[in-house]
C-alpha atoms as a PDB file:
ATOM      1  CA  UNK A   1     -78.338 242.831 -33.246  1.00  0.00           C
ATOM      2  CA  UNK A   2     -79.422 239.222 -33.558  1.00  0.00           C
ATOM      3  CA  UNK A   3     -77.445 236.118 -32.762  1.00  0.00           C
ATOM      4  CA  UNK A   4     -77.495 232.844 -34.670  1.00  0.00           C
ATOM      5  CA  UNK A   5     -76.603 229.329 -33.600  1.00  0.00           C
ATOM      6  CA  UNK A   6     -74.436 227.096 -35.762  1.00  0.00           C
ATOM      7  CA  UNK A   7     -73.231 223.553 -35.306  1.00  0.00           C
ATOM      8  CA  UNK A   8     -70.007 223.242 -33.278  1.00  0.00           C
ATOM      9  CA  UNK A   9     -68.249 221.417 -36.123  1.00  0.00           C
ATOM     10  CA  UNK A  10     -69.147 224.141 -38.592  1.00  0.00           C
ATOM     11  CA  UNK A  11     -67.978 226.793 -36.139  1.00  0.00           C
ATOM     12  CA  UNK A  12     -64.619 225.050 -35.819  1.00  0.00           C
ATOM     13  CA  UNK A  13     -64.242 224.998 -39.619  1.00  0.00           C
ATOM     14  CA  UNK A  14     -65.165 228.680 -39.861  1.00  0.00           C
ATOM     15  CA  UNK A  15     -62.741 229.540 -37.065  1.00  0.00           C
ATOM     16  CA  UNK A  16     -59.879 227.773 -38.855  1.00  0.00           C
ATOM     17  CA  UNK A  17     -60.631 229.551 -42.149  1.00  0.00           C
ATOM     18  CA  UNK A  18     -61.028 232.861 -40.339  1.00  0.00           C
ATOM     19  CA  UNK A  19     -57.532 232.585 -38.915  1.00  0.00           C
ATOM     20  CA  UNK A  20     -55.982 231.494 -42.235  1.00  0.00           C
ATOM     21  CA  UNK A  21     -57.690 234.314 -44.120  1.00  0.00           C
ATOM     22  CA  UNK A  22     -56.565 236.936 -41.625  1.00  0.00           C
ATOM     23  CA  UNK A  23     -59.953 238.054 -40.324  1.00  0.00           C
ATOM     24  CA  UNK A  24     -60.029 239.538 -36.838  1.00  0.00           C
ATOM     25  CA  UNK A  25     -62.866 237.338 -35.621  1.00  0.00           C
ATOM     26  CA  UNK A  26     -65.331 234.658 -36.634  1.00  0.00           C
ATOM     27  CA  UNK A  27     -68.096 237.284 -36.544  1.00  0.00           C
ATOM     28  CA  UNK A  28     -66.171 239.496 -38.976  1.00  0.00           C
ATOM     29  CA  UNK A  29     -65.700 236.586 -41.387  1.00  0.00           C
ATOM     30  CA  UNK A  30     -69.350 235.517 -41.224  1.00  0.00           C
ATOM     31  CA  UNK A  31     -70.617 239.068 -41.768  1.00  0.00           C
ATOM     32  CA  UNK A  32     -68.324 239.428 -44.799  1.00  0.00           C
ATOM     33  CA  UNK A  33     -69.521 236.131 -46.303  1.00  0.00           C
ATOM     34  CA  UNK A  34     -73.190 237.023 -45.788  1.00  0.00           C
ATOM     35  CA  UNK A  35     -72.654 240.446 -47.379  1.00  0.00           C
ATOM     36  CA  UNK A  36     -70.987 238.835 -50.420  1.00  0.00           C
ATOM     37  CA  UNK A  37     -73.826 236.342 -50.879  1.00  0.00           C
ATOM     38  CA  UNK A  38     -76.495 239.013 -50.474  1.00  0.00           C
ATOM     39  CA  UNK A  39     -74.809 241.158 -53.111  1.00  0.00           C
ATOM     40  CA  UNK A  40     -74.757 238.213 -55.537  1.00  0.00           C
ATOM     41  CA  UNK A  41     -78.465 237.638 -55.034  1.00  0.00           C
ATOM     42  CA  UNK A  42     -79.423 241.301 -55.116  1.00  0.00           C
ATOM     43  CA  UNK A  43     -77.525 242.001 -58.332  1.00  0.00           C
ATOM     44  CA  UNK A  44     -78.336 238.743 -60.118  1.00  0.00           C
ATOM     45  CA  UNK A  45     -79.949 239.056 -63.484  1.00  0.00           C
ATOM     46  CA  UNK A  46     -83.106 237.168 -64.360  1.00  0.00           C
ATOM     47  CA  UNK A  47     -82.748 233.962 -66.384  1.00  0.00           C
ATOM     48  CA  UNK A  48     -84.373 235.728 -69.324  1.00  0.00           C
ATOM     49  CA  UNK A  49     -81.815 238.556 -69.251  1.00  0.00           C
ATOM     50  CA  UNK A  50     -78.944 236.076 -69.134  1.00  0.00           C
ATOM     51  CA  UNK A  51     -80.415 234.084 -72.038  1.00  0.00           C
ATOM     52  CA  UNK A  52     -80.784 237.226 -74.157  1.00  0.00           C
ATOM     53  CA  UNK A  53     -77.247 238.335 -73.350  1.00  0.00           C
ATOM     54  CA  UNK A  54     -75.852 234.910 -74.343  1.00  0.00           C
ATOM     55  CA  UNK A  55     -77.931 234.981 -77.518  1.00  0.00           C
ATOM     56  CA  UNK A  56     -76.562 238.445 -78.337  1.00  0.00           C
ATOM     57  CA  UNK A  57     -73.013 237.147 -77.860  1.00  0.00           C
ATOM     58  CA  UNK A  58     -73.670 234.268 -80.243  1.00  0.00           C
ATOM     59  CA  UNK A  59     -73.592 231.484 -77.669  1.00  0.00           C
ATOM     60  CA  UNK A  60     -77.279 230.623 -78.213  1.00  0.00           C
ATOM     61  CA  UNK A  61     -79.352 230.504 -81.340  1.00  0.00           C
END
């Protein structure tokens, strides 16, 4: 497992949000956020697919 370094100020912000959101640790929160972002990217449609879908819904001519 790899380790990453982040700025101390950013870590403090993440730690505060982690506690408010009820995560067990900063690592748990960061892993969850990375997984969510990866899923967005991996399942994103191409611009062309989005354009065609909007055209089909009548939003574009």
